[in-house]
Amino acid sequence: SDPYYIDQSVFIIRLFVHKEYSPFFISAVLNSYVSHFWFFQQKRQGNQLQIDKEVLVNFPIRRISFVTPKNEREELVKEFKRLYNEWIE
């Protein structure tokens, strides 16, 4: 395997398949501008974020109760993907 070289501290989050949260959802949330702002307010070394277990455990991910039936949500996702592909081409 190829070696990895890192010039700063690295924090690895191993994402498992979870019945409530998709790894894609977690990645999208953690890489958002809003979470960057929140992390910046929590803990840092100078201007560099310090994201450790303590910070992640307290990260506010709100639970969403879906009221739209599952089959309707699935149809909406299909429609979104179709529109996305139409615009991307």
Protein backbone atom coordinates (compact mmCIF):
# COMPACT_ATOMS: atom_id res chain seq x y z
CA SER A 1 0.00 0.00 0.00
CA ASP A 2 1.05 3.61 -0.51
CA PRO A 3 2.44 5.49 2.49
CA TYR A 4 0.61 8.54 3.81
CA TYR A 5 2.38 11.72 4.89
CA ILE A 6 0.57 14.22 7.07
CA ASP A 7 1.98 17.54 8.28
CA GLN A 8 -0.73 18.19 10.90
CA SER A 9 -2.70 16.17 13.44
CA VAL A 10 -5.22 13.79 11.94
CA PHE A 11 -8.45 12.56 13.43
CA ILE A 12 -9.97 9.54 11.72
CA ILE A 13 -13.65 8.76 12.06
CA ARG A 14 -14.57 5.26 11.08
CA LEU A 15 -18.13 5.30 9.77
CA PHE A 16 -20.18 2.17 10.21
CA VAL A 17 -23.52 1.48 8.62
CA HIS A 18 -26.05 2.76 11.13
CA LYS A 19 -29.78 2.24 11.04
CA GLU A 20 -30.50 5.91 11.78
CA TYR A 21 -27.67 7.81 10.09
CA SER A 22 -26.07 7.18 6.73
CA PRO A 23 -22.27 7.64 6.52
CA PHE A 24 -22.98 10.01 3.61
CA PHE A 25 -25.24 12.11 5.84
CA ILE A 26 -22.61 12.25 8.59
CA SER A 27 -19.89 13.22 6.08
CA ALA A 28 -22.08 15.94 4.56
CA VAL A 29 -22.93 17.40 7.95
CA LEU A 30 -19.36 17.33 9.28
CA ASN A 31 -18.00 18.95 6.10
CA SER A 32 -20.58 21.75 5.99
CA TYR A 33 -19.89 25.44 6.58
CA VAL A 34 -22.31 25.43 9.50
CA SER A 35 -20.44 22.67 11.32
CA HIS A 36 -17.11 24.42 10.59
CA PHE A 37 -18.52 27.53 12.27
CA TRP A 38 -19.72 25.44 15.25
CA PHE A 39 -16.39 23.60 15.56
CA PHE A 40 -14.50 26.90 15.38
CA GLN A 41 -16.48 28.16 18.40
CA GLN A 42 -15.79 24.99 20.42
CA LYS A 43 -12.10 24.19 20.49
CA ARG A 44 -9.08 25.25 18.50
CA GLN A 45 -5.36 25.84 18.61
CA GLY A 46 -4.91 29.32 17.24
CA ASN A 47 -6.94 29.39 14.03
CA GLN A 48 -6.77 25.63 13.53
CA LEU A 49 -9.75 23.52 14.54
CA GLN A 50 -9.19 20.97 17.26
CA ILE A 51 -11.86 18.34 16.69
CA ASP A 52 -11.60 15.50 19.15
CA LYS A 53 -14.01 13.04 20.75
CA GLU A 54 -15.19 15.57 23.32
CA VAL A 55 -16.21 18.03 20.60
CA LEU A 56 -17.87 15.39 18.41
CA VAL A 57 -19.88 13.87 21.27
CA ASN A 58 -21.42 17.29 21.92
CA PHE A 59 -22.08 18.05 18.24
CA PRO A 60 -25.79 18.89 17.83
CA ILE A 61 -27.37 16.63 15.21
CA ARG A 62 -31.08 17.13 15.42
CA ARG A 63 -33.41 14.18 15.07
CA ILE A 64 -35.91 14.61 12.28
CA SER A 65 -39.28 12.90 12.42
CA PHE A 66 -40.37 12.37 8.84
CA VAL A 67 -44.07 12.87 8.31
CA THR A 68 -43.91 12.22 4.57
CA PRO A 69 -44.61 8.54 3.87
CA LYS A 70 -41.56 6.50 2.93
CA ASN A 71 -42.79 5.62 -0.58
CA GLU A 72 -43.44 9.32 -1.32
CA ARG A 73 -39.95 10.25 -0.08
CA GLU A 74 -38.46 7.57 -2.35
CA GLU A 75 -40.35 9.00 -5.34
CA LEU A 76 -39.15 12.50 -4.49
CA VAL A 77 -35.55 11.26 -4.35
CA LYS A 78 -35.95 9.64 -7.78
CA GLU A 79 -37.35 12.88 -9.17
CA PHE A 80 -34.51 14.91 -7.65
CA LYS A 81 -31.91 12.55 -9.14
CA ARG A 82 -33.58 12.80 -12.54
CA LEU A 83 -33.61 16.61 -12.40
CA TYR A 84 -30.01 16.68 -11.17
CA ASN A 85 -28.84 14.45 -14.04
CA GLU A 86 -30.83 16.54 -16.51
CA TRP A 87 -29.10 19.75 -15.38
CA ILE A 88 -25.63 18.20 -15.08
CA GLU A 89 -25.60 16.97 -18.69
